[in-house]
Amino acid sequence: MIQIESVRIKEFRGIRDLTLTMGRESFVVYGPNGSGKSGVVDAIQFALTGEIGRLKGTGTADLSLTEHGPHVEK
């Protein structure tokens, strides 16, 4: 099991600078539409796997981080 102590997200999707401290506990991401919930989940997934699952598979029109998010790979 992966336990996340904390995560800092900078310049990822709509998130400019955010630090979350989970303390290795279960956590919930919630808020109104457009508040950055998916960005938090995507940032954690990218940090752990190097991929963003929502950019893969059927219906994604071949989106790629290289083409559509070059700043992310830097």
PDB file of N, CA and C in Angstrom:
ATOM      1  N   MET A   1       0.839  -1.163   0.000  1.00  0.00           N
ATOM      2  CA  MET A   1       0.000   0.000   0.000  1.00  0.00           C
ATOM      3  C   MET A   1       0.895   1.241   0.000  1.00  0.00           C
ATOM      4  N   ILE A   2       0.538   2.208  -0.814  1.00  0.00           N
ATOM      5  CA  ILE A   2       1.243   3.480  -0.855  1.00  0.00           C
ATOM      6  C   ILE A   2       0.608   4.416   0.157  1.00  0.00           C
ATOM      7  N   GLN A   3       1.436   5.026   0.970  1.00  0.00           N
ATOM      8  CA  GLN A   3       0.952   6.005   1.937  1.00  0.00           C
ATOM      9  C   GLN A   3       1.640   7.330   1.636  1.00  0.00           C
ATOM     10  N   ILE A   4       0.852   8.340   1.379  1.00  0.00           N
ATOM     11  CA  ILE A   4       1.388   9.651   1.021  1.00  0.00           C
ATOM     12  C   ILE A   4       1.435  10.521   2.273  1.00  0.00           C
ATOM     13  N   GLU A   5       2.618  10.990   2.581  1.00  0.00           N
ATOM     14  CA  GLU A   5       2.792  11.893   3.726  1.00  0.00           C
ATOM     15  C   GLU A   5       2.310  13.295   3.351  1.00  0.00           C
ATOM     16  N   SER A   6       2.818  13.807   2.225  1.00  0.00           N
ATOM     17  CA  SER A   6       2.390  15.113   1.736  1.00  0.00           C
ATOM     18  C   SER A   6       2.716  15.211   0.254  1.00  0.00           C
ATOM     19  N   VAL A   7       2.116  16.190  -0.394  1.00  0.00           N
ATOM     20  CA  VAL A   7       2.367  16.416  -1.816  1.00  0.00           C
ATOM     21  C   VAL A   7       2.354  17.922  -2.063  1.00  0.00           C
ATOM     22  N   ARG A   8       3.290  18.360  -2.904  1.00  0.00           N
ATOM     23  CA  ARG A   8       3.307  19.764  -3.315  1.00  0.00           C
ATOM     24  C   ARG A   8       3.105  19.779  -4.824  1.00  0.00           C
ATOM     25  N   ILE A   9       2.133  20.545  -5.273  1.00  0.00           N
ATOM     26  CA  ILE A   9       1.791  20.646  -6.694  1.00  0.00           C
ATOM     27  C   ILE A   9       2.054  22.075  -7.136  1.00  0.00           C
ATOM     28  N   LYS A  10       2.892  22.230  -8.155  1.00  0.00           N
ATOM     29  CA  LYS A  10       3.198  23.558  -8.684  1.00  0.00           C
ATOM     30  C   LYS A  10       2.992  23.558 -10.181  1.00  0.00           C
ATOM     31  N   GLU A  11       2.264  24.560 -10.661  1.00  0.00           N
ATOM     32  CA  GLU A  11       2.069  24.777 -12.100  1.00  0.00           C
ATOM     33  C   GLU A  11       1.611  23.519 -12.825  1.00  0.00           C
ATOM     34  N   PHE A  12       0.583  22.892 -12.315  1.00  0.00           N
ATOM     35  CA  PHE A  12       0.022  21.688 -12.922  1.00  0.00           C
ATOM     36  C   PHE A  12      -1.453  21.923 -13.161  1.00  0.00           C
ATOM     37  N   ARG A  13      -1.839  21.880 -14.431  1.00  0.00           N
ATOM     38  CA  ARG A  13      -3.197  22.217 -14.827  1.00  0.00           C
ATOM     39  C   ARG A  13      -3.556  23.582 -14.252  1.00  0.00           C
ATOM     40  N   GLY A  14      -4.620  23.718 -13.519  1.00  0.00           N
ATOM     41  CA  GLY A  14      -5.007  25.026 -12.987  1.00  0.00           C
ATOM     42  C   GLY A  14      -4.419  25.318 -11.620  1.00  0.00           C
ATOM     43  N   ILE A  15      -3.579  24.432 -11.114  1.00  0.00           N
ATOM     44  CA  ILE A  15      -3.023  24.585  -9.772  1.00  0.00           C
ATOM     45  C   ILE A  15      -1.683  25.302  -9.872  1.00  0.00           C
ATOM     46  N   ARG A  16      -1.582  26.461  -9.241  1.00  0.00           N
ATOM     47  CA  ARG A  16      -0.335  27.240  -9.290  1.00  0.00           C
ATOM     48  C   ARG A  16       0.645  26.794  -8.221  1.00  0.00           C
ATOM     49  N   ASP A  17       0.195  26.638  -6.986  1.00  0.00           N
ATOM     50  CA  ASP A  17       1.067  26.202  -5.902  1.00  0.00           C
ATOM     51  C   ASP A  17       0.182  25.710  -4.757  1.00  0.00           C
ATOM     52  N   LEU A  18       0.251  24.422  -4.475  1.00  0.00           N
ATOM     53  CA  LEU A  18      -0.609  23.824  -3.452  1.00  0.00           C
ATOM     54  C   LEU A  18       0.182  22.764  -2.706  1.00  0.00           C
ATOM     55  N   THR A  19       0.143  22.817  -1.393  1.00  0.00           N
ATOM     56  CA  THR A  19       0.754  21.788  -0.564  1.00  0.00           C
ATOM     57  C   THR A  19      -0.344  21.140   0.270  1.00  0.00           C
ATOM     58  N   LEU A  20      -0.416  19.818   0.203  1.00  0.00           N
ATOM     59  CA  LEU A  20      -1.389  19.054   0.985  1.00  0.00           C
ATOM     60  C   LEU A  20      -0.623  18.113   1.907  1.00  0.00           C
ATOM     61  N   THR A  21      -1.020  18.057   3.156  1.00  0.00           N
ATOM     62  CA  THR A  21      -0.414  17.137   4.111  1.00  0.00           C
ATOM     63  C   THR A  21      -1.461  16.100   4.488  1.00  0.00           C
ATOM     64  N   MET A  22      -1.234  14.870   4.046  1.00  0.00           N
ATOM     65  CA  MET A  22      -2.176  13.795   4.311  1.00  0.00           C
ATOM     66  C   MET A  22      -1.807  13.014   5.564  1.00  0.00           C
ATOM     67  N   GLY A  23      -0.538  13.053   5.960  1.00  0.00           N
ATOM     68  CA  GLY A  23      -0.101  12.351   7.169  1.00  0.00           C
ATOM     69  C   GLY A  23      -0.286  10.853   7.087  1.00  0.00           C
ATOM     70  N   ARG A  24      -0.200  10.302   5.880  1.00  0.00           N
ATOM     71  CA  ARG A  24      -0.354   8.858   5.640  1.00  0.00           C
ATOM     72  C   ARG A  24      -1.745   8.346   5.992  1.00  0.00           C
ATOM     73  N   GLU A  25      -2.704   9.227   6.062  1.00  0.00           N
ATOM     74  CA  GLU A  25      -4.089   8.857   6.358  1.00  0.00           C
ATOM     75  C   GLU A  25      -4.893   8.844   5.064  1.00  0.00           C
ATOM     76  N   SER A  26      -6.049   8.215   5.091  1.00  0.00           N
ATOM     77  CA  SER A  26      -6.973   8.288   3.962  1.00  0.00           C
ATOM     78  C   SER A  26      -7.425   9.726   3.806  1.00  0.00           C
ATOM     79  N   PHE A  27      -7.675  10.126   2.572  1.00  0.00           N
ATOM     80  CA  PHE A  27      -8.106  11.500   2.350  1.00  0.00           C
ATOM     81  C   PHE A  27      -9.139  11.549   1.238  1.00  0.00           C
ATOM     82  N   VAL A  28      -9.891  12.635   1.225  1.00  0.00           N
ATOM     83  CA  VAL A  28     -10.936  12.872   0.237  1.00  0.00           C
ATOM     84  C   VAL A  28     -10.660  14.209  -0.419  1.00  0.00           C
ATOM     85  N   VAL A  29     -10.828  14.251  -1.737  1.00  0.00           N
ATOM     86  CA  VAL A  29     -10.706  15.510  -2.470  1.00  0.00           C
ATOM     87  C   VAL A  29     -12.121  15.926  -2.845  1.00  0.00           C
ATOM     88  N   TYR A  30     -12.563  17.088  -2.383  1.00  0.00           N
ATOM     89  CA  TYR A  30     -13.917  17.536  -2.688  1.00  0.00           C
ATOM     90  C   TYR A  30     -13.940  19.039  -2.892  1.00  0.00           C
ATOM     91  N   GLY A  31     -14.967  19.497  -3.578  1.00  0.00           N
ATOM     92  CA  GLY A  31     -15.134  20.923  -3.818  1.00  0.00           C
ATOM     93  C   GLY A  31     -16.065  21.142  -4.996  1.00  0.00           C
ATOM     94  N   PRO A  32     -16.388  22.392  -5.286  1.00  0.00           N
ATOM     95  CA  PRO A  32     -17.297  22.693  -6.395  1.00  0.00           C
ATOM     96  C   PRO A  32     -16.629  22.431  -7.745  1.00  0.00           C
ATOM     97  N   ASN A  33     -17.452  22.374  -8.786  1.00  0.00           N
ATOM     98  CA  ASN A  33     -16.929  22.195 -10.138  1.00  0.00           C
ATOM     99  C   ASN A  33     -15.908  23.279 -10.447  1.00  0.00           C
ATOM    100  N   GLY A  34     -14.835  22.872 -11.113  1.00  0.00           N
ATOM    101  CA  GLY A  34     -13.818  23.827 -11.526  1.00  0.00           C
ATOM    102  C   GLY A  34     -12.849  24.246 -10.433  1.00  0.00           C
ATOM    103  N   SER A  35     -12.888  23.576  -9.289  1.00  0.00           N
ATOM    104  CA  SER A  35     -12.026  23.988  -8.180  1.00  0.00           C
ATOM    105  C   SER A  35     -10.665  23.296  -8.174  1.00  0.00           C
ATOM    106  N   GLY A  36     -10.450  22.321  -9.067  1.00  0.00           N
ATOM    107  CA  GLY A  36      -9.142  21.678  -9.166  1.00  0.00           C
ATOM    108  C   GLY A  36      -9.050  20.275  -8.608  1.00  0.00           C
ATOM    109  N   LYS A  37     -10.178  19.658  -8.304  1.00  0.00           N
ATOM    110  CA  LYS A  37     -10.158  18.296  -7.748  1.00  0.00           C
ATOM    111  C   LYS A  37      -9.452  17.323  -8.679  1.00  0.00           C
ATOM    112  N   SER A  38      -9.824  17.339  -9.955  1.00  0.00           N
ATOM    113  CA  SER A  38      -9.203  16.426 -10.916  1.00  0.00           C
ATOM    114  C   SER A  38      -7.721  16.721 -11.072  1.00  0.00           C
ATOM    115  N   GLY A  39      -7.341  17.973 -10.975  1.00  0.00           N
ATOM    116  CA  GLY A  39      -5.931  18.338 -11.056  1.00  0.00           C
ATOM    117  C   GLY A  39      -5.119  17.722  -9.933  1.00  0.00           C
ATOM    118  N   VAL A  40      -5.668  17.690  -8.733  1.00  0.00           N
ATOM    119  CA  VAL A  40      -4.987  17.064  -7.592  1.00  0.00           C
ATOM    120  C   VAL A  40      -4.805  15.575  -7.851  1.00  0.00           C
ATOM    121  N   VAL A  41      -5.864  14.910  -8.264  1.00  0.00           N
ATOM    122  CA  VAL A  41      -5.796  13.473  -8.532  1.00  0.00           C
ATOM    123  C   VAL A  41      -4.820  13.191  -9.674  1.00  0.00           C
ATOM    124  N   ASP A  42      -4.895  13.971 -10.751  1.00  0.00           N
ATOM    125  CA  ASP A  42      -3.993  13.783 -11.888  1.00  0.00           C
ATOM    126  C   ASP A  42      -2.532  14.002 -11.479  1.00  0.00           C
ATOM    127  N   ALA A  43      -2.262  14.993 -10.656  1.00  0.00           N
ATOM    128  CA  ALA A  43      -0.894  15.274 -10.214  1.00  0.00           C
ATOM    129  C   ALA A  43      -0.334  14.116  -9.394  1.00  0.00           C
ATOM    130  N   ILE A  44      -1.141  13.564  -8.508  1.00  0.00           N
ATOM    131  CA  ILE A  44      -0.690  12.428  -7.701  1.00  0.00           C
ATOM    132  C   ILE A  44      -0.444  11.222  -8.592  1.00  0.00           C
ATOM    133  N   GLN A  45      -1.359  10.958  -9.517  1.00  0.00           N
ATOM    134  CA  GLN A  45      -1.179   9.827 -10.437  1.00  0.00           C
ATOM    135  C   GLN A  45       0.083  10.017 -11.279  1.00  0.00           C
ATOM    136  N   PHE A  46       0.312  11.228 -11.784  1.00  0.00           N
ATOM    137  CA  PHE A  46       1.489  11.502 -12.599  1.00  0.00           C
ATOM    138  C   PHE A  46       2.765  11.318 -11.782  1.00  0.00           C
ATOM    139  N   ALA A  47       2.765  11.762 -10.537  1.00  0.00           N
ATOM    140  CA  ALA A  47       3.948  11.614  -9.684  1.00  0.00           C
ATOM    141  C   ALA A  47       4.273  10.150  -9.421  1.00  0.00           C
ATOM    142  N   LEU A  48       3.239   9.325  -9.280  1.00  0.00           N
ATOM    143  CA  LEU A  48       3.448   7.908  -8.970  1.00  0.00           C
ATOM    144  C   LEU A  48       3.719   7.044 -10.191  1.00  0.00           C
ATOM    145  N   THR A  49       3.148   7.419 -11.356  1.00  0.00           N
ATOM    146  CA  THR A  49       3.229   6.532 -12.526  1.00  0.00           C
ATOM    147  C   THR A  49       3.856   7.171 -13.752  1.00  0.00           C
ATOM    148  N   GLY A  50       3.939   8.501 -13.790  1.00  0.00           N
ATOM    149  CA  GLY A  50       4.437   9.175 -14.983  1.00  0.00           C
ATOM    150  C   GLY A  50       3.384   9.291 -16.066  1.00  0.00           C
ATOM    151  N   GLU A  51       2.155   8.946 -15.740  1.00  0.00           N
ATOM    152  CA  GLU A  51       1.051   8.990 -16.710  1.00  0.00           C
ATOM    153  C   GLU A  51      -0.163   9.663 -16.093  1.00  0.00           C
ATOM    154  N   ILE A  52      -1.045  10.125 -16.975  1.00  0.00           N
ATOM    155  CA  ILE A  52      -2.346  10.626 -16.541  1.00  0.00           C
ATOM    156  C   ILE A  52      -3.376   9.774 -17.270  1.00  0.00           C
ATOM    157  N   GLY A  53      -4.051   8.925 -16.540  1.00  0.00           N
ATOM    158  CA  GLY A  53      -4.962   7.942 -17.116  1.00  0.00           C
ATOM    159  C   GLY A  53      -6.055   8.540 -17.987  1.00  0.00           C
ATOM    160  N   ARG A  54      -6.497   9.743 -17.652  1.00  0.00           N
ATOM    161  CA  ARG A  54      -7.573  10.353 -18.434  1.00  0.00           C
ATOM    162  C   ARG A  54      -7.103  10.790 -19.815  1.00  0.00           C
ATOM    163  N   LEU A  55      -5.791  10.752 -20.085  1.00  0.00           N
ATOM    164  CA  LEU A  55      -5.271  11.094 -21.410  1.00  0.00           C
ATOM    165  C   LEU A  55      -5.041   9.858 -22.269  1.00  0.00           C
ATOM    166  N   LYS A  56      -5.441   8.693 -21.773  1.00  0.00           N
ATOM    167  CA  LYS A  56      -5.229   7.446 -22.507  1.00  0.00           C
ATOM    168  C   LYS A  56      -6.560   6.781 -22.810  1.00  0.00           C
ATOM    169  N   GLY A  57      -6.567   5.981 -23.853  1.00  0.00           N
ATOM    170  CA  GLY A  57      -7.725   5.155 -24.140  1.00  0.00           C
ATOM    171  C   GLY A  57      -8.705   5.778 -25.118  1.00  0.00           C
ATOM    172  N   THR A  58      -9.780   5.057 -25.331  1.00  0.00           N
ATOM    173  CA  THR A  58     -10.817   5.449 -26.272  1.00  0.00           C
ATOM    174  C   THR A  58     -11.415   6.794 -25.898  1.00  0.00           C
ATOM    175  N   GLY A  59     -11.603   7.641 -26.890  1.00  0.00           N
ATOM    176  CA  GLY A  59     -12.250   8.927 -26.672  1.00  0.00           C
ATOM    177  C   GLY A  59     -11.313  10.053 -26.300  1.00  0.00           C
ATOM    178  N   THR A  60     -10.011   9.795 -26.251  1.00  0.00           N
ATOM    179  CA  THR A  60      -9.072  10.848 -25.869  1.00  0.00           C
ATOM    180  C   THR A  60      -8.485  11.567 -27.072  1.00  0.00           C
ATOM    181  N   ALA A  61      -8.809  11.121 -28.279  1.00  0.00           N
ATOM    182  CA  ALA A  61      -8.337  11.748 -29.518  1.00  0.00           C
ATOM    183  C   ALA A  61      -6.812  11.843 -29.558  1.00  0.00           C
ATOM    184  N   ASP A  62      -6.146  10.814 -29.038  1.00  0.00           N
ATOM    185  CA  ASP A  62      -4.684  10.749 -29.074  1.00  0.00           C
ATOM    186  C   ASP A  62      -4.010  11.938 -28.398  1.00  0.00           C
ATOM    187  N   LEU A  63      -4.579  12.431 -27.302  1.00  0.00           N
ATOM    188  CA  LEU A  63      -3.927  13.486 -26.529  1.00  0.00           C
ATOM    189  C   LEU A  63      -2.609  12.957 -25.982  1.00  0.00           C
ATOM    190  N   SER A  64      -1.624  13.810 -25.889  1.00  0.00           N
ATOM    191  CA  SER A  64      -0.357  13.404 -25.293  1.00  0.00           C
ATOM    192  C   SER A  64       0.194  14.546 -24.453  1.00  0.00           C
ATOM    193  N   LEU A  65       0.959  14.191 -23.420  1.00  0.00           N
ATOM    194  CA  LEU A  65       1.574  15.222 -22.603  1.00  0.00           C
ATOM    195  C   LEU A  65       2.599  16.001 -23.414  1.00  0.00           C
ATOM    196  N   THR A  66       3.296  15.314 -24.310  1.00  0.00           N
ATOM    197  CA  THR A  66       4.309  15.989 -25.114  1.00  0.00           C
ATOM    198  C   THR A  66       3.708  17.109 -25.931  1.00  0.00           C
ATOM    199  N   GLU A  67       2.566  16.848 -26.555  1.00  0.00           N
ATOM    200  CA  GLU A  67       1.936  17.840 -27.427  1.00  0.00           C
ATOM    201  C   GLU A  67       1.060  18.846 -26.677  1.00  0.00           C
ATOM    202  N   HIS A  68       0.280  18.361 -25.711  1.00  0.00           N
ATOM    203  CA  HIS A  68      -0.711  19.207 -25.066  1.00  0.00           C
ATOM    204  C   HIS A  68      -0.305  19.725 -23.683  1.00  0.00           C
ATOM    205  N   GLY A  69       0.788  19.241 -23.155  1.00  0.00           N
ATOM    206  CA  GLY A  69       1.237  19.708 -21.845  1.00  0.00           C
ATOM    207  C   GLY A  69       2.745  19.677 -21.731  1.00  0.00           C
ATOM    208  N   PRO A  70       3.455  20.335 -22.654  1.00  0.00           N
ATOM    209  CA  PRO A  70       4.920  20.243 -22.638  1.00  0.00           C
ATOM    210  C   PRO A  70       5.547  20.746 -21.338  1.00  0.00           C
ATOM    211  N   HIS A  71       4.892  21.658 -20.664  1.00  0.00           N
ATOM    212  CA  HIS A  71       5.417  22.168 -19.396  1.00  0.00           C
ATOM    213  C   HIS A  71       5.397  21.105 -18.308  1.00  0.00           C
ATOM    214  N   VAL A  72       4.507  20.109 -18.419  1.00  0.00           N
ATOM    215  CA  VAL A  72       4.395  19.072 -17.411  1.00  0.00           C
ATOM    216  C   VAL A  72       5.632  18.189 -17.421  1.00  0.00           C
ATOM    217  N   GLU A  73       6.147  17.863 -18.607  1.00  0.00           N
ATOM    218  CA  GLU A  73       7.291  16.978 -18.690  1.00  0.00           C
ATOM    219  C   GLU A  73       8.568  17.636 -18.211  1.00  0.00           C
ATOM    220  N   LYS A  74       8.599  18.966 -18.110  1.00  0.00           N
ATOM    221  CA  LYS A  74       9.792  19.653 -17.623  1.00  0.00           C
ATOM    222  C   LYS A  74       9.778  19.668 -16.127  1.00  0.00           C
TER     223      LYS A  74
END
